[in-house]
Amino acid sequence: MRLVIATIVAAAATLATAKKPHCFPYGTATLPKDLSKPNVQLKDWWCPKSMAYGFQGFSYPMAYYDCAAPQNGFEYMRDDFARMKRDFGASIVRMYYPVCMNESVFENAIRAGVATDMAVIFQVWTNFGVGNDWQQSQQAIYNVLSSDTFGPLAPYVVHSADFGSEPVGDWMDGGGDQLVADLGKFRAVMNAHGIPAGISEDWDRPGRMSGENGTGLGPVGAGVRANSDYVHAHIMPYYLSSNPTVAQAWPYISDQIAWLARNVRLPTMITESQWAWAPHPWHSGASDVGVAQYTHYWKKFDDECHFFKRYKVGWFIHTWLGEATFDMVYGNGSYVIPNWRPRKC
């Protein structure tokens, strides 16, 4: 009897694997480990957008200015990426605030992605809108794409490239017409290498990203939409002035997703949403915080899998480690929500 059951289980597992398409990063495709590009045309490499819903992975803070710091190195990233994939079923890593403005940090992220068969989202560092650090960060990405080693490989690992995280909110590059113009230039370079581009931003900015009173697109939002391949949205009930409880967060999230579907109409992922498992001076927001509330917040995302599938929207947990009580990983390496793996539906 045990042999029969074992045979049935093995057959079911084989069938499940067989049903997965040969594509990246949700299917069976894997990256060559010698840093050569896959022997597949790029148009046949990436999984279809119909698979890009539900849990995607983590925002990965990279707040070490010393480019030689272990946290900016290949081995450190590789080990973290592997844990995300093994323990949570992650497929994509969103680089978040890569303050090292040397191409090495982006090269190491590609190498870690190859080692773990994880896709990576590149991000230009905004420095919260101060100065022109974004230009140096952007150039570091350009240097990676023009290199003999990483240039041919990058379009097979780099899922997308964001021209900043909240560049509109932080008034990077002026935060208006000039930002939109430079986003267009950045997108042109990325697209020439086969990489989609856009920004990672909160669209709930009436009069700028959205129209007055949130109706339609605002002037900056219209420009961003015209120069983007996708929406990487920040939907953040934690920071609402109404100080919602965690139980009141979902209606805002679902309303924002519906608003994006009506008004922006581009492939969408929630790249930044958060709740805290304890108060912390780094981020003052909702007062209804704690491990129970944090768990409720993220498991509600999981429970709404069919909603995300219907809207074809993916989501990231913000963050892995580095943003205090937003983190999924405690300082001792254990998880705030242990023994949990977001579902696929």
Protein backbone atom coordinates (compact mmCIF):
# COMPACT_ATOMS: atom_id res chain seq x y z
CA MET A 1 0.00 0.00 0.00
CA ARG A 2 2.83 2.41 0.89
CA LEU A 3 4.48 1.64 -2.45
CA VAL A 4 1.26 2.44 -4.30
CA ILE A 5 0.85 5.76 -2.46
CA ALA A 6 4.49 6.68 -3.06
CA THR A 7 4.06 5.90 -6.76
CA ILE A 8 0.95 8.08 -6.98
CA VAL A 9 2.68 10.97 -5.21
CA ALA A 10 5.73 10.70 -7.46
CA ALA A 11 3.54 10.58 -10.55
CA ALA A 12 1.61 13.64 -9.41
CA ALA A 13 4.85 15.54 -8.82
CA THR A 14 6.13 14.56 -12.26
CA LEU A 15 2.87 15.65 -13.86
CA ALA A 16 2.99 19.01 -12.05
CA THR A 17 6.53 19.58 -13.28
CA ALA A 18 5.57 18.52 -16.79
CA LYS A 19 2.77 21.10 -16.84
CA LYS A 20 5.19 23.95 -16.14
CA PRO A 21 6.24 25.68 -19.36
CA HIS A 22 9.89 25.93 -20.30
CA CYS A 23 10.33 29.62 -19.54
CA PHE A 24 11.90 31.92 -16.94
CA PRO A 25 11.48 32.63 -14.04
CA TYR A 26 8.21 30.78 -13.28
CA GLY A 27 8.80 27.74 -15.46
CA THR A 28 11.48 25.08 -15.87
CA ALA A 29 14.10 27.15 -17.72
CA THR A 30 17.45 27.53 -15.94
CA LEU A 31 20.41 29.80 -16.57
CA PRO A 32 23.82 28.47 -17.70
CA LYS A 33 26.16 28.65 -14.72
CA ASP A 34 29.18 29.78 -16.76
CA LEU A 35 27.67 33.27 -17.29
CA SER A 36 26.98 32.59 -20.94
CA LYS A 37 23.59 33.60 -22.25
CA PRO A 38 20.97 30.86 -22.74
CA ASN A 39 20.75 29.33 -26.18
CA VAL A 40 17.21 30.65 -26.59
CA GLN A 41 15.89 33.72 -28.34
CA LEU A 42 14.98 36.38 -25.81
CA LYS A 43 11.35 36.47 -26.99
CA ASP A 44 11.04 32.79 -26.07
CA TRP A 45 12.88 33.05 -22.74
CA TRP A 46 10.61 35.00 -20.40
CA CYS A 47 7.38 33.48 -19.12
CA PRO A 48 4.17 35.06 -20.41
CA LYS A 49 2.63 37.92 -18.44
CA SER A 50 -0.35 35.69 -17.70
CA MET A 51 1.90 33.88 -15.19
CA ALA A 52 3.12 37.06 -13.49
CA TYR A 53 0.52 37.28 -10.74
CA GLY A 54 0.61 36.70 -6.99
CA PHE A 55 3.77 36.50 -4.91
CA GLN A 56 6.96 37.38 -6.78
CA GLY A 57 9.64 37.82 -4.14
CA PHE A 58 11.13 40.47 -1.88
CA SER A 59 12.38 44.02 -1.93
CA TYR A 60 16.06 43.60 -1.13
CA PRO A 61 17.58 46.65 0.66
CA MET A 62 21.16 47.39 -0.42
CA ALA A 63 22.08 50.26 1.91
CA TYR A 64 25.84 49.72 2.16
CA TYR A 65 27.76 52.59 0.59
CA ASP A 66 31.04 50.64 0.71
CA CYS A 67 30.95 48.73 -2.56
CA ALA A 68 33.43 46.22 -1.06
CA ALA A 69 31.08 45.40 1.85
CA PRO A 70 30.12 41.71 1.99
CA GLN A 71 26.45 42.68 1.60
CA ASN A 72 27.26 44.04 -1.87
CA GLY A 73 29.12 40.86 -2.81
CA PHE A 74 28.13 37.86 -4.86
CA GLU A 75 28.27 35.24 -2.09
CA TYR A 76 26.07 37.25 0.28
CA MET A 77 23.45 37.91 -2.38
CA ARG A 78 23.57 34.33 -3.63
CA ASP A 79 22.85 32.97 -0.16
CA ASP A 80 19.98 35.40 0.43
CA PHE A 81 18.45 34.74 -3.00
CA ALA A 82 18.65 31.01 -2.36
CA ARG A 83 16.79 31.36 0.96
CA MET A 84 14.06 33.45 -0.66
CA LYS A 85 13.57 30.80 -3.31
CA ARG A 86 13.82 27.78 -1.03
CA ASP A 87 11.75 29.03 1.90
CA PHE A 88 9.19 31.27 0.19
CA GLY A 89 9.10 30.21 -3.45
CA ALA A 90 10.39 33.59 -4.70
CA SER A 91 11.10 34.08 -8.41
CA ILE A 92 12.32 37.69 -8.62
CA VAL A 93 14.47 39.92 -6.41
CA ARG A 94 13.79 43.64 -6.42
CA MET A 95 17.00 45.56 -5.75
CA TYR A 96 16.03 48.36 -3.37
CA TYR A 97 18.09 51.51 -2.81
CA PRO A 98 21.41 50.19 -4.22
CA VAL A 99 23.48 53.00 -2.75
CA CYS A 100 26.76 51.57 -4.09
CA MET A 101 27.01 53.36 -7.41
CA ASN A 102 29.56 51.04 -8.98
CA GLU A 103 28.65 48.51 -11.65
CA SER A 104 30.01 45.74 -9.41
CA VAL A 105 26.83 45.67 -7.31
CA PHE A 106 24.68 45.10 -10.39
CA GLU A 107 27.12 42.54 -11.78
CA ASN A 108 27.05 40.64 -8.49
CA ALA A 109 23.25 40.68 -8.52
CA ILE A 110 23.30 39.13 -12.00
CA ARG A 111 25.78 36.49 -10.85
CA ALA A 112 23.60 35.69 -7.82
CA GLY A 113 20.55 35.48 -10.06
CA VAL A 114 22.34 33.04 -12.32
CA ALA A 115 23.49 30.90 -9.39
CA THR A 116 19.95 30.63 -7.99
CA ASP A 117 17.86 30.91 -11.18
CA MET A 118 16.25 34.09 -9.91
CA ALA A 119 15.35 37.14 -11.98
CA VAL A 120 16.46 40.58 -10.77
CA ILE A 121 14.93 44.05 -11.00
CA PHE A 122 17.58 46.75 -11.38
CA GLN A 123 16.97 50.12 -9.76
CA VAL A 124 18.56 53.54 -10.18
CA TRP A 125 19.44 55.03 -6.78
CA THR A 126 17.57 58.32 -6.27
CA ASN A 127 19.30 59.49 -3.06
CA PHE A 128 15.85 60.78 -2.08
CA GLY A 129 16.06 63.41 -4.79
CA VAL A 130 19.24 65.04 -3.45
CA GLY A 131 21.85 65.96 -6.06
CA ASN A 132 22.59 63.96 -9.18
CA ASP A 133 23.62 60.61 -7.73
CA TRP A 134 20.99 59.06 -9.97
CA GLN A 135 23.20 59.83 -12.96
CA GLN A 136 26.12 57.87 -11.53
CA SER A 137 23.84 54.98 -10.58
CA GLN A 138 22.31 55.00 -14.05
CA GLN A 139 25.76 54.98 -15.63
CA ALA A 140 26.73 51.96 -13.54
CA ILE A 141 23.80 50.08 -15.07
CA TYR A 142 24.78 51.24 -18.55
CA ASN A 143 28.33 50.00 -17.92
CA VAL A 144 27.00 46.54 -17.05
CA LEU A 145 24.99 46.40 -20.26
CA SER A 146 27.97 47.42 -22.37
CA SER A 147 30.38 44.93 -20.82
CA ASP A 148 31.51 41.88 -22.77
CA THR A 149 30.79 39.54 -19.85
CA PHE A 150 27.43 40.78 -18.58
CA GLY A 151 25.96 42.66 -21.51
CA PRO A 152 24.80 39.62 -23.52
CA LEU A 153 23.56 37.84 -20.38
CA ALA A 154 21.76 40.72 -18.67
CA PRO A 155 18.51 40.62 -20.71
CA TYR A 156 18.03 36.99 -19.61
CA VAL A 157 18.40 37.79 -15.89
CA VAL A 158 17.22 41.38 -15.53
CA HIS A 159 13.44 41.25 -15.46
CA SER A 160 13.11 45.05 -15.64
CA ALA A 161 14.89 48.25 -14.68
CA ASP A 162 13.36 51.01 -12.57
CA PHE A 163 14.39 54.63 -13.04
CA GLY A 164 14.28 55.12 -9.30
CA SER A 165 12.07 54.20 -6.37
CA GLU A 166 9.61 57.04 -5.80
CA PRO A 167 11.51 59.47 -8.03
CA VAL A 168 8.33 61.54 -8.37
CA GLY A 169 7.68 61.61 -4.63
CA ASP A 170 11.32 62.49 -3.95
CA TRP A 171 11.46 65.08 -6.76
CA MET A 172 14.44 63.33 -8.33
CA ASP A 173 15.61 65.10 -11.48
CA GLY A 174 13.04 67.82 -10.82
CA GLY A 175 10.20 65.33 -10.35
CA GLY A 176 8.26 66.57 -13.38
CA ASP A 177 8.85 67.16 -17.08
CA GLN A 178 12.63 66.65 -16.92
CA LEU A 179 12.20 63.43 -14.97
CA VAL A 180 9.75 62.17 -17.59
CA ALA A 181 12.15 63.12 -20.41
CA ASP A 182 15.07 61.33 -18.74
CA LEU A 183 12.88 58.31 -17.99
CA GLY A 184 12.21 58.15 -21.73
CA LYS A 185 15.94 58.19 -22.46
CA PHE A 186 16.61 55.52 -19.85
CA ARG A 187 13.83 53.36 -21.25
CA ALA A 188 15.24 53.70 -24.77
CA VAL A 189 18.63 52.40 -23.61
CA MET A 190 17.07 49.54 -21.63
CA ASN A 191 14.76 48.56 -24.47
CA ALA A 192 17.69 48.53 -26.90
CA HIS A 193 19.12 45.76 -24.71
CA GLY A 194 15.80 43.92 -24.50
CA ILE A 195 14.99 45.03 -20.93
CA PRO A 196 11.65 46.68 -20.03
CA ALA A 197 11.83 49.91 -18.04
CA GLY A 198 9.69 52.22 -15.93
CA ILE A 199 9.67 53.65 -12.40
CA SER A 200 8.69 52.23 -9.02
CA GLU A 201 6.23 54.76 -7.61
CA ASP A 202 3.10 55.62 -5.63
CA TRP A 203 0.37 56.59 -8.10
CA ASP A 204 -1.84 57.95 -5.33
CA ARG A 205 -0.41 61.46 -5.66
CA PRO A 206 -3.37 63.67 -6.64
CA GLY A 207 -2.46 66.49 -8.99
CA ARG A 208 0.76 64.79 -10.05
CA MET A 209 0.57 61.03 -10.67
CA SER A 210 -3.22 60.91 -10.47
CA GLY A 211 -5.61 63.70 -11.37
CA GLU A 212 -7.18 66.06 -8.90
CA ASN A 213 -9.22 64.08 -6.37
CA GLY A 214 -7.65 60.92 -7.81
CA THR A 215 -9.67 61.08 -11.04
CA GLY A 216 -7.72 59.92 -14.09
CA LEU A 217 -4.03 60.63 -14.62
CA GLY A 218 -2.22 63.73 -13.49
CA PRO A 219 0.33 65.49 -15.73
CA VAL A 220 3.34 63.59 -14.39
CA GLY A 221 1.43 60.30 -14.34
CA ALA A 222 0.47 60.72 -17.99
CA GLY A 223 4.09 61.35 -18.91
CA VAL A 224 5.32 58.39 -16.88
CA ARG A 225 2.73 56.12 -18.46
CA ALA A 226 3.77 57.17 -21.97
CA ASN A 227 7.41 56.37 -21.19
CA SER A 228 6.98 53.07 -19.30
CA ASP A 229 6.62 49.43 -20.20
CA TYR A 230 4.85 48.55 -16.94
CA VAL A 231 3.58 49.77 -13.59
CA HIS A 232 5.63 49.03 -10.49
CA ALA A 233 3.23 50.42 -7.92
CA HIS A 234 3.66 51.47 -4.32
CA ILE A 235 0.35 50.81 -2.58
CA MET A 236 0.92 51.73 1.04
CA PRO A 237 -2.06 51.85 3.40
CA TYR A 238 0.43 51.86 6.30
CA TYR A 239 1.15 55.52 5.57
CA LEU A 240 -2.42 56.76 5.07
CA SER A 241 -3.32 59.79 7.18
CA SER A 242 -6.47 57.98 8.29
CA ASN A 243 -4.28 55.64 10.39
CA PRO A 244 -6.08 52.46 9.33
CA THR A 245 -6.03 49.22 11.26
CA VAL A 246 -4.52 46.28 9.46
CA ALA A 247 -8.04 44.93 8.91
CA GLN A 248 -8.90 48.13 7.04
CA ALA A 249 -5.90 47.96 4.70
CA TRP A 250 -7.21 45.62 2.01
CA PRO A 251 -10.04 47.83 0.64
CA TYR A 252 -7.49 50.55 -0.14
CA ILE A 253 -5.17 48.05 -1.81
CA SER A 254 -7.91 46.52 -3.96
CA ASP A 255 -9.25 49.97 -4.90
CA GLN A 256 -5.78 51.10 -6.02
CA ILE A 257 -5.30 47.98 -8.14
CA ALA A 258 -8.66 48.59 -9.81
CA TRP A 259 -7.72 52.28 -10.36
CA LEU A 260 -4.45 51.28 -12.05
CA ALA A 261 -6.28 48.79 -14.26
CA ARG A 262 -8.75 51.49 -15.38
CA ASN A 263 -6.37 54.40 -15.78
CA VAL A 264 -2.87 53.16 -16.54
CA ARG A 265 -3.55 49.83 -18.27
CA LEU A 266 -0.01 48.48 -18.23
CA PRO A 267 1.34 45.19 -16.81
CA THR A 268 1.34 45.76 -13.06
CA MET A 269 3.21 44.60 -9.99
CA ILE A 270 3.04 45.95 -6.45
CA THR A 271 6.72 46.47 -5.77
CA GLU A 272 6.26 48.24 -2.46
CA SER A 273 3.69 47.66 0.25
CA GLN A 274 4.44 47.27 3.92
CA TRP A 275 3.29 46.75 7.46
CA ALA A 276 5.35 46.81 10.65
CA TRP A 277 5.69 44.07 13.25
CA ALA A 278 6.65 46.67 15.90
CA PRO A 279 6.92 50.47 16.13
CA HIS A 280 10.20 51.92 14.89
CA PRO A 281 11.49 55.50 14.55
CA TRP A 282 12.60 54.84 10.95
CA HIS A 283 9.01 54.65 9.77
CA SER A 284 6.13 56.31 11.55
CA GLY A 285 2.85 55.17 10.09
CA ALA A 286 -0.12 53.12 11.23
CA SER A 287 -0.32 52.50 14.97
CA ASP A 288 -1.96 49.08 14.67
CA VAL A 289 1.31 47.14 14.49
CA GLY A 290 2.68 43.88 15.87
CA VAL A 291 3.66 40.41 14.72
CA ALA A 292 0.00 39.37 14.56
CA GLN A 293 -0.89 42.39 12.42
CA TYR A 294 2.14 41.90 10.18
CA THR A 295 1.17 38.26 9.68
CA HIS A 296 -2.44 39.21 8.95
CA TYR A 297 -1.32 41.79 6.37
CA TRP A 298 0.79 39.43 4.29
CA LYS A 299 -1.48 36.42 4.63
CA LYS A 300 -4.35 38.59 3.38
CA PHE A 301 -2.33 39.19 0.20
CA ASP A 302 -1.94 35.43 -0.04
CA ASP A 303 -5.64 34.79 0.61
CA GLU A 304 -6.49 37.12 -2.28
CA CYS A 305 -4.59 35.00 -4.81
CA HIS A 306 -7.57 34.73 -7.16
CA PHE A 307 -8.06 38.51 -7.05
CA PHE A 308 -4.43 39.00 -8.11
CA LYS A 309 -4.83 36.35 -10.79
CA ARG A 310 -7.94 38.06 -12.17
CA TYR A 311 -6.15 41.41 -12.39
CA LYS A 312 -2.84 39.77 -13.46
CA VAL A 313 -0.97 41.63 -10.71
CA GLY A 314 2.14 40.42 -8.91
CA TRP A 315 3.32 41.53 -5.47
CA PHE A 316 6.51 41.75 -3.45
CA ILE A 317 7.05 41.63 0.29
CA HIS A 318 8.74 44.80 1.46
CA THR A 319 11.33 43.95 2.80
CA TRP A 320 13.75 41.06 3.24
CA LEU A 321 16.26 42.55 5.71
CA GLY A 322 17.39 46.13 6.21
CA GLU A 323 14.24 48.19 6.83
CA ALA A 324 13.82 47.55 10.56
CA THR A 325 10.36 46.26 11.49
CA PHE A 326 9.18 46.00 7.88
CA ASP A 327 11.62 43.10 7.45
CA MET A 328 10.58 39.48 7.07
CA VAL A 329 13.95 38.38 8.47
CA TYR A 330 14.86 39.03 12.09
CA GLY A 331 18.43 40.00 12.94
CA ASN A 332 19.08 36.44 14.12
CA GLY A 333 18.13 35.05 10.69
CA SER A 334 14.75 33.58 11.65
CA TYR A 335 11.50 34.67 10.01
CA VAL A 336 8.74 36.87 11.38
CA ILE A 337 6.27 34.53 9.65
CA PRO A 338 7.84 31.07 9.96
CA ASN A 339 6.84 28.02 7.94
CA TRP A 340 4.89 30.05 5.38
CA ARG A 341 5.13 29.82 1.61
CA PRO A 342 2.75 32.00 -0.42
CA ARG A 343 0.52 29.98 -2.70
CA LYS A 344 -0.01 29.80 -6.41
CA CYS A 345 -3.61 29.50 -7.54
